mmCIF file of all heavy atoms, coordinates in Angstrom:
data_MODEL
# 
_entry.id   MODEL 
# 
loop_
_atom_site.group_PDB 
_atom_site.id 
_atom_site.type_symbol 
_atom_site.label_atom_id 
_atom_site.label_alt_id 
_atom_site.label_comp_id 
_atom_site.label_asym_id 
_atom_site.label_entity_id 
_atom_site.label_seq_id 
_atom_site.pdbx_PDB_ins_code 
_atom_site.Cartn_x 
_atom_site.Cartn_y 
_atom_site.Cartn_z 
_atom_site.occupancy 
_atom_site.B_iso_or_equiv 
_atom_site.pdbx_formal_charge 
_atom_site.auth_seq_id 
_atom_site.auth_comp_id 
_atom_site.auth_asym_id 
_atom_site.auth_atom_id 
_atom_site.pdbx_PDB_model_num 
ATOM 1   N N   . ILE A 1 1  ? -0.853 -11.573 10.273 1.00 0.00 ? 1  ILE A N   1 
ATOM 2   C CA  . ILE A 1 1  ? 0.038  -12.605 9.705  1.00 0.00 ? 1  ILE A CA  1 
ATOM 3   C C   . ILE A 1 1  ? 1.326  -12.705 10.495 1.00 0.00 ? 1  ILE A C   1 
ATOM 4   O O   . ILE A 1 1  ? 1.754  -13.801 10.874 1.00 0.00 ? 1  ILE A O   1 
ATOM 5   C CB  . ILE A 1 1  ? 0.312  -12.318 8.215  1.00 0.00 ? 1  ILE A CB  1 
ATOM 6   C CG1 . ILE A 1 1  ? -0.961 -12.575 7.395  1.00 0.00 ? 1  ILE A CG1 1 
ATOM 7   C CG2 . ILE A 1 1  ? 1.475  -13.151 7.697  1.00 0.00 ? 1  ILE A CG2 1 
ATOM 8   C CD1 . ILE A 1 1  ? -0.910 -12.058 5.974  1.00 0.00 ? 1  ILE A CD1 1 
ATOM 9   N N   . PHE A 1 2  ? 1.977  -11.577 10.776 1.00 0.00 ? 2  PHE A N   1 
ATOM 10  C CA  . PHE A 1 2  ? 3.247  -11.622 11.494 1.00 0.00 ? 2  PHE A CA  1 
ATOM 11  C C   . PHE A 1 2  ? 3.047  -11.854 12.983 1.00 0.00 ? 2  PHE A C   1 
ATOM 12  O O   . PHE A 1 2  ? 3.872  -12.508 13.621 1.00 0.00 ? 2  PHE A O   1 
ATOM 13  C CB  . PHE A 1 2  ? 4.062  -10.354 11.229 1.00 0.00 ? 2  PHE A CB  1 
ATOM 14  C CG  . PHE A 1 2  ? 4.601  -10.300 9.834  1.00 0.00 ? 2  PHE A CG  1 
ATOM 15  C CD1 . PHE A 1 2  ? 4.070  -9.440  8.894  1.00 0.00 ? 2  PHE A CD1 1 
ATOM 16  C CD2 . PHE A 1 2  ? 5.636  -11.138 9.433  1.00 0.00 ? 2  PHE A CD2 1 
ATOM 17  C CE1 . PHE A 1 2  ? 4.544  -9.406  7.598  1.00 0.00 ? 2  PHE A CE1 1 
ATOM 18  C CE2 . PHE A 1 2  ? 6.126  -11.121 8.141  1.00 0.00 ? 2  PHE A CE2 1 
ATOM 19  C CZ  . PHE A 1 2  ? 5.579  -10.251 7.220  1.00 0.00 ? 2  PHE A CZ  1 
ATOM 20  N N   . GLY A 1 3  ? 1.948  -11.354 13.536 1.00 0.00 ? 3  GLY A N   1 
ATOM 21  C CA  . GLY A 1 3  ? 1.674  -11.573 14.952 1.00 0.00 ? 3  GLY A CA  1 
ATOM 22  C C   . GLY A 1 3  ? 1.369  -13.023 15.267 1.00 0.00 ? 3  GLY A C   1 
ATOM 23  O O   . GLY A 1 3  ? 1.703  -13.535 16.335 1.00 0.00 ? 3  GLY A O   1 
ATOM 24  N N   . SER A 1 4  ? 0.726  -13.704 14.324 1.00 0.00 ? 4  SER A N   1 
ATOM 25  C CA  . SER A 1 4  ? 0.386  -15.114 14.547 1.00 0.00 ? 4  SER A CA  1 
ATOM 26  C C   . SER A 1 4  ? 1.483  -16.052 14.058 1.00 0.00 ? 4  SER A C   1 
ATOM 27  O O   . SER A 1 4  ? 1.360  -17.267 14.193 1.00 0.00 ? 4  SER A O   1 
ATOM 28  C CB  . SER A 1 4  ? -0.917 -15.453 13.817 1.00 0.00 ? 4  SER A CB  1 
ATOM 29  O OG  . SER A 1 4  ? -0.718 -15.332 12.422 1.00 0.00 ? 4  SER A OG  1 
ATOM 30  N N   . GLU A 1 5  ? 2.525  -15.490 13.481 1.00 0.00 ? 5  GLU A N   1 
ATOM 31  C CA  . GLU A 1 5  ? 3.645  -16.248 12.930 1.00 0.00 ? 5  GLU A CA  1 
ATOM 32  C C   . GLU A 1 5  ? 3.204  -17.217 11.838 1.00 0.00 ? 5  GLU A C   1 
ATOM 33  O O   . GLU A 1 5  ? 3.767  -18.287 11.649 1.00 0.00 ? 5  GLU A O   1 
ATOM 34  C CB  . GLU A 1 5  ? 4.410  -16.972 14.041 1.00 0.00 ? 5  GLU A CB  1 
ATOM 35  C CG  . GLU A 1 5  ? 5.026  -16.009 15.043 1.00 0.00 ? 5  GLU A CG  1 
ATOM 36  C CD  . GLU A 1 5  ? 5.868  -16.689 16.104 1.00 0.00 ? 5  GLU A CD  1 
ATOM 37  O OE1 . GLU A 1 5  ? 5.832  -17.929 16.222 1.00 0.00 ? 5  GLU A OE1 1 
ATOM 38  O OE2 . GLU A 1 5  ? 6.583  -15.966 16.802 1.00 0.00 ? 5  GLU A OE2 1 
ATOM 39  N N   . ALA A 1 6  ? 2.194  -16.804 11.079 1.00 0.00 ? 6  ALA A N   1 
ATOM 40  C CA  . ALA A 1 6  ? 1.698  -17.620 9.964  1.00 0.00 ? 6  ALA A CA  1 
ATOM 41  C C   . ALA A 1 6  ? 2.762  -17.795 8.893  1.00 0.00 ? 6  ALA A C   1 
ATOM 42  O O   . ALA A 1 6  ? 2.771  -18.789 8.177  1.00 0.00 ? 6  ALA A O   1 
ATOM 43  C CB  . ALA A 1 6  ? 0.454  -16.984 9.361  1.00 0.00 ? 6  ALA A CB  1 
ATOM 44  N N   . TYR A 1 7  ? 3.671  -16.838 8.792  1.00 0.00 ? 7  TYR A N   1 
ATOM 45  C CA  . TYR A 1 7  ? 4.714  -16.913 7.776  1.00 0.00 ? 7  TYR A CA  1 
ATOM 46  C C   . TYR A 1 7  ? 5.644  -18.106 7.985  1.00 0.00 ? 7  TYR A C   1 
ATOM 47  O O   . TYR A 1 7  ? 6.348  -18.521 7.067  1.00 0.00 ? 7  TYR A O   1 
ATOM 48  C CB  . TYR A 1 7  ? 5.518  -15.608 7.721  1.00 0.00 ? 7  TYR A CB  1 
ATOM 49  C CG  . TYR A 1 7  ? 6.222  -15.288 9.020  1.00 0.00 ? 7  TYR A CG  1 
ATOM 50  C CD1 . TYR A 1 7  ? 7.517  -15.721 9.255  1.00 0.00 ? 7  TYR A CD1 1 
ATOM 51  C CD2 . TYR A 1 7  ? 5.588  -14.541 10.007 1.00 0.00 ? 7  TYR A CD2 1 
ATOM 52  C CE1 . TYR A 1 7  ? 8.162  -15.428 10.445 1.00 0.00 ? 7  TYR A CE1 1 
ATOM 53  C CE2 . TYR A 1 7  ? 6.223  -14.242 11.184 1.00 0.00 ? 7  TYR A CE2 1 
ATOM 54  C CZ  . TYR A 1 7  ? 7.508  -14.693 11.410 1.00 0.00 ? 7  TYR A CZ  1 
ATOM 55  O OH  . TYR A 1 7  ? 8.134  -14.405 12.581 1.00 0.00 ? 7  TYR A OH  1 
ATOM 56  N N   . LYS A 1 8  ? 5.649  -18.680 9.176  1.00 0.00 ? 8  LYS A N   1 
ATOM 57  C CA  . LYS A 1 8  ? 6.478  -19.874 9.408  1.00 0.00 ? 8  LYS A CA  1 
ATOM 58  C C   . LYS A 1 8  ? 5.906  -21.078 8.673  1.00 0.00 ? 8  LYS A C   1 
ATOM 59  O O   . LYS A 1 8  ? 6.633  -21.989 8.294  1.00 0.00 ? 8  LYS A O   1 
ATOM 60  C CB  . LYS A 1 8  ? 6.576  -20.159 10.906 1.00 0.00 ? 8  LYS A CB  1 
ATOM 61  C CG  . LYS A 1 8  ? 7.407  -19.136 11.654 1.00 0.00 ? 8  LYS A CG  1 
ATOM 62  C CD  . LYS A 1 8  ? 7.519  -19.490 13.114 1.00 0.00 ? 8  LYS A CD  1 
ATOM 63  C CE  . LYS A 1 8  ? 8.357  -18.460 13.847 1.00 0.00 ? 8  LYS A CE  1 
ATOM 64  N NZ  . LYS A 1 8  ? 8.436  -18.737 15.272 1.00 0.00 ? 8  LYS A NZ  1 
ATOM 65  N N   . TYR A 1 9  ? 4.580  -21.091 8.479  1.00 0.00 ? 9  TYR A N   1 
ATOM 66  C CA  . TYR A 1 9  ? 3.935  -22.189 7.770  1.00 0.00 ? 9  TYR A CA  1 
ATOM 67  C C   . TYR A 1 9  ? 3.748  -21.868 6.283  1.00 0.00 ? 9  TYR A C   1 
ATOM 68  O O   . TYR A 1 9  ? 3.603  -22.768 5.473  1.00 0.00 ? 9  TYR A O   1 
ATOM 69  C CB  . TYR A 1 9  ? 2.561  -22.487 8.392  1.00 0.00 ? 9  TYR A CB  1 
ATOM 70  C CG  . TYR A 1 9  ? 2.663  -23.061 9.776  1.00 0.00 ? 9  TYR A CG  1 
ATOM 71  C CD1 . TYR A 1 9  ? 2.670  -22.234 10.896 1.00 0.00 ? 9  TYR A CD1 1 
ATOM 72  C CD2 . TYR A 1 9  ? 2.765  -24.433 9.967  1.00 0.00 ? 9  TYR A CD2 1 
ATOM 73  C CE1 . TYR A 1 9  ? 2.766  -22.761 12.167 1.00 0.00 ? 9  TYR A CE1 1 
ATOM 74  C CE2 . TYR A 1 9  ? 2.857  -24.977 11.234 1.00 0.00 ? 9  TYR A CE2 1 
ATOM 75  C CZ  . TYR A 1 9  ? 2.860  -24.129 12.334 1.00 0.00 ? 9  TYR A CZ  1 
ATOM 76  O OH  . TYR A 1 9  ? 2.960  -24.655 13.577 1.00 0.00 ? 9  TYR A OH  1 
ATOM 77  N N   . PHE A 1 10 ? 3.689  -20.598 5.970  1.00 0.00 ? 10 PHE A N   1 
ATOM 78  C CA  . PHE A 1 10 ? 3.476  -20.158 4.601  1.00 0.00 ? 10 PHE A CA  1 
ATOM 79  C C   . PHE A 1 10 ? 4.550  -19.108 4.342  1.00 0.00 ? 10 PHE A C   1 
ATOM 80  O O   . PHE A 1 10 ? 4.323  -17.919 4.457  1.00 0.00 ? 10 PHE A O   1 
ATOM 81  C CB  . PHE A 1 10 ? 2.069  -19.573 4.472  1.00 0.00 ? 10 PHE A CB  1 
ATOM 82  C CG  . PHE A 1 10 ? 1.622  -19.249 3.076  1.00 0.00 ? 10 PHE A CG  1 
ATOM 83  C CD1 . PHE A 1 10 ? 0.340  -18.786 2.865  1.00 0.00 ? 10 PHE A CD1 1 
ATOM 84  C CD2 . PHE A 1 10 ? 2.452  -19.377 1.967  1.00 0.00 ? 10 PHE A CD2 1 
ATOM 85  C CE1 . PHE A 1 10 ? -0.123 -18.468 1.588  1.00 0.00 ? 10 PHE A CE1 1 
ATOM 86  C CE2 . PHE A 1 10 ? 2.014  -19.069 0.692  1.00 0.00 ? 10 PHE A CE2 1 
ATOM 87  C CZ  . PHE A 1 10 ? 0.722  -18.609 0.509  1.00 0.00 ? 10 PHE A CZ  1 
ATOM 88  N N   . ALA A 1 11 ? 5.743  -19.557 3.983  1.00 0.00 ? 11 ALA A N   1 
ATOM 89  C CA  . ALA A 1 11 ? 6.933  -18.711 3.921  1.00 0.00 ? 11 ALA A CA  1 
ATOM 90  C C   . ALA A 1 11 ? 6.779  -17.490 3.023  1.00 0.00 ? 11 ALA A C   1 
ATOM 91  O O   . ALA A 1 11 ? 7.325  -16.426 3.313  1.00 0.00 ? 11 ALA A O   1 
ATOM 92  C CB  . ALA A 1 11 ? 8.137  -19.533 3.478  1.00 0.00 ? 11 ALA A CB  1 
ATOM 93  N N   . ASP A 1 12 ? 6.012  -17.615 1.938  1.00 0.00 ? 12 ASP A N   1 
ATOM 94  C CA  . ASP A 1 12 ? 5.873  -16.481 1.026  1.00 0.00 ? 12 ASP A CA  1 
ATOM 95  C C   . ASP A 1 12 ? 5.132  -15.305 1.652  1.00 0.00 ? 12 ASP A C   1 
ATOM 96  O O   . ASP A 1 12 ? 5.302  -14.167 1.216  1.00 0.00 ? 12 ASP A O   1 
ATOM 97  C CB  . ASP A 1 12 ? 5.156  -16.907 -0.261 1.00 0.00 ? 12 ASP A CB  1 
ATOM 98  C CG  . ASP A 1 12 ? 6.073  -17.682 -1.189 1.00 0.00 ? 12 ASP A CG  1 
ATOM 99  O OD1 . ASP A 1 12 ? 7.289  -17.759 -0.889 1.00 0.00 ? 12 ASP A OD1 1 
ATOM 100 O OD2 . ASP A 1 12 ? 5.584  -18.208 -2.193 1.00 0.00 ? 12 ASP A OD2 1 
ATOM 101 N N   . LEU A 1 13 ? 4.296  -15.561 2.674  1.00 0.00 ? 13 LEU A N   1 
ATOM 102 C CA  . LEU A 1 13 ? 3.604  -14.442 3.336  1.00 0.00 ? 13 LEU A CA  1 
ATOM 103 C C   . LEU A 1 13 ? 4.604  -13.519 4.015  1.00 0.00 ? 13 LEU A C   1 
ATOM 104 O O   . LEU A 1 13 ? 4.381  -12.321 4.133  1.00 0.00 ? 13 LEU A O   1 
ATOM 105 C CB  . LEU A 1 13 ? 2.591  -14.950 4.362  1.00 0.00 ? 13 LEU A CB  1 
ATOM 106 C CG  . LEU A 1 13 ? 1.305  -15.547 3.813  1.00 0.00 ? 13 LEU A CG  1 
ATOM 107 C CD1 . LEU A 1 13 ? 0.402  -15.980 4.955  1.00 0.00 ? 13 LEU A CD1 1 
ATOM 108 C CD2 . LEU A 1 13 ? 0.561  -14.567 2.930  1.00 0.00 ? 13 LEU A CD2 1 
ATOM 109 N N   . GLY A 1 14 ? 5.695  -14.073 4.482  1.00 0.00 ? 14 GLY A N   1 
ATOM 110 C CA  . GLY A 1 14 ? 6.720  -13.248 5.115  1.00 0.00 ? 14 GLY A CA  1 
ATOM 111 C C   . GLY A 1 14 ? 7.847  -12.884 4.181  1.00 0.00 ? 14 GLY A C   1 
ATOM 112 O O   . GLY A 1 14 ? 8.648  -12.009 4.479  1.00 0.00 ? 14 GLY A O   1 
ATOM 113 N N   . GLY A 1 15 ? 7.908  -13.537 3.032  1.00 0.00 ? 15 GLY A N   1 
ATOM 114 C CA  . GLY A 1 15 ? 9.027  -13.318 2.130  1.00 0.00 ? 15 GLY A CA  1 
ATOM 115 C C   . GLY A 1 15 ? 8.745  -12.368 0.986  1.00 0.00 ? 15 GLY A C   1 
ATOM 116 O O   . GLY A 1 15 ? 9.340  -11.296 0.890  1.00 0.00 ? 15 GLY A O   1 
ATOM 117 N N   . ILE A 1 16 ? 7.818  -12.754 0.119  1.00 0.00 ? 16 ILE A N   1 
ATOM 118 C CA  . ILE A 1 16 ? 7.661  -11.992 -1.115 1.00 0.00 ? 16 ILE A CA  1 
ATOM 119 C C   . ILE A 1 16 ? 6.349  -11.214 -1.210 1.00 0.00 ? 16 ILE A C   1 
ATOM 120 O O   . ILE A 1 16 ? 6.319  -10.133 -1.791 1.00 0.00 ? 16 ILE A O   1 
ATOM 121 C CB  . ILE A 1 16 ? 7.819  -12.925 -2.336 1.00 0.00 ? 16 ILE A CB  1 
ATOM 122 C CG1 . ILE A 1 16 ? 7.941  -12.103 -3.609 1.00 0.00 ? 16 ILE A CG1 1 
ATOM 123 C CG2 . ILE A 1 16 ? 6.684  -13.900 -2.430 1.00 0.00 ? 16 ILE A CG2 1 
ATOM 124 C CD1 . ILE A 1 16 ? 8.337  -12.904 -4.821 1.00 0.00 ? 16 ILE A CD1 1 
ATOM 125 N N   . TRP A 1 17 ? 5.268  -11.724 -0.623 1.00 0.00 ? 17 TRP A N   1 
ATOM 126 C CA  . TRP A 1 17 ? 3.973  -11.094 -0.864 1.00 0.00 ? 17 TRP A CA  1 
ATOM 127 C C   . TRP A 1 17 ? 3.862  -9.700  -0.294 1.00 0.00 ? 17 TRP A C   1 
ATOM 128 O O   . TRP A 1 17 ? 3.221  -8.837  -0.882 1.00 0.00 ? 17 TRP A O   1 
ATOM 129 C CB  . TRP A 1 17 ? 2.826  -11.993 -0.370 1.00 0.00 ? 17 TRP A CB  1 
ATOM 130 C CG  . TRP A 1 17 ? 2.622  -13.104 -1.331 1.00 0.00 ? 17 TRP A CG  1 
ATOM 131 C CD1 . TRP A 1 17 ? 2.954  -14.414 -1.158 1.00 0.00 ? 17 TRP A CD1 1 
ATOM 132 C CD2 . TRP A 1 17 ? 2.118  -13.008 -2.668 1.00 0.00 ? 17 TRP A CD2 1 
ATOM 133 N NE1 . TRP A 1 17 ? 2.684  -15.139 -2.288 1.00 0.00 ? 17 TRP A NE1 1 
ATOM 134 C CE2 . TRP A 1 17 ? 2.160  -14.287 -3.236 1.00 0.00 ? 17 TRP A CE2 1 
ATOM 135 C CE3 . TRP A 1 17 ? 1.637  -11.968 -3.446 1.00 0.00 ? 17 TRP A CE3 1 
ATOM 136 C CZ2 . TRP A 1 17 ? 1.752  -14.559 -4.525 1.00 0.00 ? 17 TRP A CZ2 1 
ATOM 137 C CZ3 . TRP A 1 17 ? 1.224  -12.233 -4.729 1.00 0.00 ? 17 TRP A CZ3 1 
ATOM 138 C CH2 . TRP A 1 17 ? 1.272  -13.509 -5.259 1.00 0.00 ? 17 TRP A CH2 1 
ATOM 139 N N   . TRP A 1 18 ? 4.486  -9.436  0.826  1.00 0.00 ? 18 TRP A N   1 
ATOM 140 C CA  . TRP A 1 18 ? 4.395  -8.080  1.369  1.00 0.00 ? 18 TRP A CA  1 
ATOM 141 C C   . TRP A 1 18 ? 5.133  -7.097  0.469  1.00 0.00 ? 18 TRP A C   1 
ATOM 142 O O   . TRP A 1 18 ? 4.731  -5.945  0.333  1.00 0.00 ? 18 TRP A O   1 
ATOM 143 C CB  . TRP A 1 18 ? 4.905  -8.027  2.810  1.00 0.00 ? 18 TRP A CB  1 
ATOM 144 C CG  . TRP A 1 18 ? 6.377  -8.180  2.961  1.00 0.00 ? 18 TRP A CG  1 
ATOM 145 C CD1 . TRP A 1 18 ? 7.071  -9.346  3.104  1.00 0.00 ? 18 TRP A CD1 1 
ATOM 146 C CD2 . TRP A 1 18 ? 7.339  -7.129  2.986  1.00 0.00 ? 18 TRP A CD2 1 
ATOM 147 N NE1 . TRP A 1 18 ? 8.406  -9.088  3.206  1.00 0.00 ? 18 TRP A NE1 1 
ATOM 148 C CE2 . TRP A 1 18 ? 8.603  -7.727  3.143  1.00 0.00 ? 18 TRP A CE2 1 
ATOM 149 C CE3 . TRP A 1 18 ? 7.261  -5.744  2.899  1.00 0.00 ? 18 TRP A CE3 1 
ATOM 150 C CZ2 . TRP A 1 18 ? 9.777  -6.995  3.199  1.00 0.00 ? 18 TRP A CZ2 1 
ATOM 151 C CZ3 . TRP A 1 18 ? 8.429  -5.008  2.962  1.00 0.00 ? 18 TRP A CZ3 1 
ATOM 152 C CH2 . TRP A 1 18 ? 9.673  -5.631  3.114  1.00 0.00 ? 18 TRP A CH2 1 
ATOM 153 N N   . LEU A 1 19 ? 6.203  -7.546  -0.199 1.00 0.00 ? 19 LEU A N   1 
ATOM 154 C CA  . LEU A 1 19 ? 6.917  -6.680  -1.142 1.00 0.00 ? 19 LEU A CA  1 
ATOM 155 C C   . LEU A 1 19 ? 6.071  -6.391  -2.385 1.00 0.00 ? 19 LEU A C   1 
ATOM 156 O O   . LEU A 1 19 ? 6.047  -5.270  -2.891 1.00 0.00 ? 19 LEU A O   1 
ATOM 157 C CB  . LEU A 1 19 ? 8.237  -7.330  -1.570 1.00 0.00 ? 19 LEU A CB  1 
ATOM 158 C CG  . LEU A 1 19 ? 9.318  -7.416  -0.497 1.00 0.00 ? 19 LEU A CG  1 
ATOM 159 C CD1 . LEU A 1 19 ? 10.469 -8.291  -0.978 1.00 0.00 ? 19 LEU A CD1 1 
ATOM 160 C CD2 . LEU A 1 19 ? 9.806  -6.035  -0.127 1.00 0.00 ? 19 LEU A CD2 1 
ATOM 161 N N   . ILE A 1 20 ? 5.366  -7.418  -2.872 1.00 0.00 ? 20 ILE A N   1 
ATOM 162 C CA  . ILE A 1 20 ? 4.503  -7.243  -4.040 1.00 0.00 ? 20 ILE A CA  1 
ATOM 163 C C   . ILE A 1 20 ? 3.382  -6.255  -3.718 1.00 0.00 ? 20 ILE A C   1 
ATOM 164 O O   . ILE A 1 20 ? 3.103  -5.332  -4.494 1.00 0.00 ? 20 ILE A O   1 
ATOM 165 C CB  . ILE A 1 20 ? 3.928  -8.600  -4.503 1.00 0.00 ? 20 ILE A CB  1 
ATOM 166 C CG1 . ILE A 1 20 ? 5.050  -9.464  -5.072 1.00 0.00 ? 20 ILE A CG1 1 
ATOM 167 C CG2 . ILE A 1 20 ? 2.814  -8.411  -5.521 1.00 0.00 ? 20 ILE A CG2 1 
ATOM 168 C CD1 . ILE A 1 20 ? 4.637  -10.894 -5.370 1.00 0.00 ? 20 ILE A CD1 1 
ATOM 169 N N   . VAL A 1 21 ? 2.743  -6.439  -2.572 1.00 0.00 ? 21 VAL A N   1 
ATOM 170 C CA  . VAL A 1 21 ? 1.652  -5.544  -2.174 1.00 0.00 ? 21 VAL A CA  1 
ATOM 171 C C   . VAL A 1 21 ? 2.158  -4.111  -2.054 1.00 0.00 ? 21 VAL A C   1 
ATOM 172 O O   . VAL A 1 21 ? 1.541  -3.176  -2.577 1.00 0.00 ? 21 VAL A O   1 
ATOM 173 C CB  . VAL A 1 21 ? 1.001  -6.011  -0.850 1.00 0.00 ? 21 VAL A CB  1 
ATOM 174 C CG1 . VAL A 1 21 ? 0.072  -4.951  -0.298 1.00 0.00 ? 21 VAL A CG1 1 
ATOM 175 C CG2 . VAL A 1 21 ? 0.262  -7.318  -1.054 1.00 0.00 ? 21 VAL A CG2 1 
ATOM 176 N N   . ALA A 1 22 ? 3.283  -3.925  -1.377 1.00 0.00 ? 22 ALA A N   1 
ATOM 177 C CA  . ALA A 1 22 ? 3.827  -2.578  -1.194 1.00 0.00 ? 22 ALA A CA  1 
ATOM 178 C C   . ALA A 1 22 ? 4.178  -1.939  -2.538 1.00 0.00 ? 22 ALA A C   1 
ATOM 179 O O   . ALA A 1 22 ? 3.842  -0.771  -2.790 1.00 0.00 ? 22 ALA A O   1 
ATOM 180 C CB  . ALA A 1 22 ? 5.052  -2.620  -0.293 1.00 0.00 ? 22 ALA A CB  1 
ATOM 181 N N   . ALA A 1 23 ? 4.826  -2.692  -3.420 1.00 0.00 ? 23 ALA A N   1 
ATOM 182 C CA  . ALA A 1 23 ? 5.223  -2.148  -4.725 1.00 0.00 ? 23 ALA A CA  1 
ATOM 183 C C   . ALA A 1 23 ? 4.006  -1.759  -5.560 1.00 0.00 ? 23 ALA A C   1 
ATOM 184 O O   . ALA A 1 23 ? 3.979  -0.685  -6.179 1.00 0.00 ? 23 ALA A O   1 
ATOM 185 C CB  . ALA A 1 23 ? 6.077  -3.162  -5.476 1.00 0.00 ? 23 ALA A CB  1 
ATOM 186 N N   . LEU A 1 24 ? 2.974  -2.602  -5.577 1.00 0.00 ? 24 LEU A N   1 
ATOM 187 C CA  . LEU A 1 24 ? 1.789  -2.298  -6.383 1.00 0.00 ? 24 LEU A CA  1 
ATOM 188 C C   . LEU A 1 24 ? 0.970  -1.154  -5.785 1.00 0.00 ? 24 LEU A C   1 
ATOM 189 O O   . LEU A 1 24 ? 0.409  -0.338  -6.515 1.00 0.00 ? 24 LEU A O   1 
ATOM 190 C CB  . LEU A 1 24 ? 0.929  -3.549  -6.560 1.00 0.00 ? 24 LEU A CB  1 
ATOM 191 C CG  . LEU A 1 24 ? 1.555  -4.640  -7.421 1.00 0.00 ? 24 LEU A CG  1 
ATOM 192 C CD1 . LEU A 1 24 ? 0.655  -5.865  -7.464 1.00 0.00 ? 24 LEU A CD1 1 
ATOM 193 C CD2 . LEU A 1 24 ? 1.854  -4.144  -8.812 1.00 0.00 ? 24 LEU A CD2 1 
ATOM 194 N N   . TRP A 1 25 ? 0.910  -1.082  -4.449 1.00 0.00 ? 25 TRP A N   1 
ATOM 195 C CA  . TRP A 1 25 ? 0.195  0.027   -3.814 1.00 0.00 ? 25 TRP A CA  1 
ATOM 196 C C   . TRP A 1 25 ? 0.879  1.342   -4.167 1.00 0.00 ? 25 TRP A C   1 
ATOM 197 O O   . TRP A 1 25 ? 0.226  2.320   -4.523 1.00 0.00 ? 25 TRP A O   1 
ATOM 198 C CB  . TRP A 1 25 ? 0.140  -0.175  -2.305 1.00 0.00 ? 25 TRP A CB  1 
ATOM 199 C CG  . TRP A 1 25 ? -0.614 0.906   -1.597 1.00 0.00 ? 25 TRP A CG  1 
ATOM 200 C CD1 . TRP A 1 25 ? -1.961 1.100   -1.584 1.00 0.00 ? 25 TRP A CD1 1 
ATOM 201 C CD2 . TRP A 1 25 ? -0.053 1.965   -0.815 1.00 0.00 ? 25 TRP A CD2 1 
ATOM 202 N NE1 . TRP A 1 25 ? -2.273 2.209   -0.839 1.00 0.00 ? 25 TRP A NE1 1 
ATOM 203 C CE2 . TRP A 1 25 ? -1.129 2.752   -0.355 1.00 0.00 ? 25 TRP A CE2 1 
ATOM 204 C CE3 . TRP A 1 25 ? 1.235  2.320   -0.460 1.00 0.00 ? 25 TRP A CE3 1 
ATOM 205 C CZ2 . TRP A 1 25 ? -0.941 3.872   0.444  1.00 0.00 ? 25 TRP A CZ2 1 
ATOM 206 C CZ3 . TRP A 1 25 ? 1.415  3.434   0.336  1.00 0.00 ? 25 TRP A CZ3 1 
ATOM 207 C CH2 . TRP A 1 25 ? 0.339  4.200   0.789  1.00 0.00 ? 25 TRP A CH2 1 
ATOM 208 N N   . ILE A 1 26 ? 2.202  1.357   -4.088 1.00 0.00 ? 26 ILE A N   1 
ATOM 209 C CA  . ILE A 1 26 ? 2.962  2.565   -4.420 1.00 0.00 ? 26 ILE A CA  1 
ATOM 210 C C   . ILE A 1 26 ? 2.811  2.900   -5.904 1.00 0.00 ? 26 ILE A C   1 
ATOM 211 O O   . ILE A 1 26 ? 2.638  4.057   -6.273 1.00 0.00 ? 26 ILE A O   1 
ATOM 212 C CB  . ILE A 1 26 ? 4.449  2.391   -4.036 1.00 0.00 ? 26 ILE A CB  1 
ATOM 213 C CG1 . ILE A 1 26 ? 4.580  2.387   -2.506 1.00 0.00 ? 26 ILE A CG1 1 
ATOM 214 C CG2 . ILE A 1 26 ? 5.315  3.484   -4.649 1.00 0.00 ? 26 ILE A CG2 1 
ATOM 215 C CD1 . ILE A 1 26 ? 5.941  1.956   -1.996 1.00 0.00 ? 26 ILE A CD1 1 
# 
């Protein structure tokens, strides 16, 4: 996602979803 810069087209992939995944995994 970050290597392809997909977050520029889908802002939440770079903004909030990685935080949600990390918090729930922990």
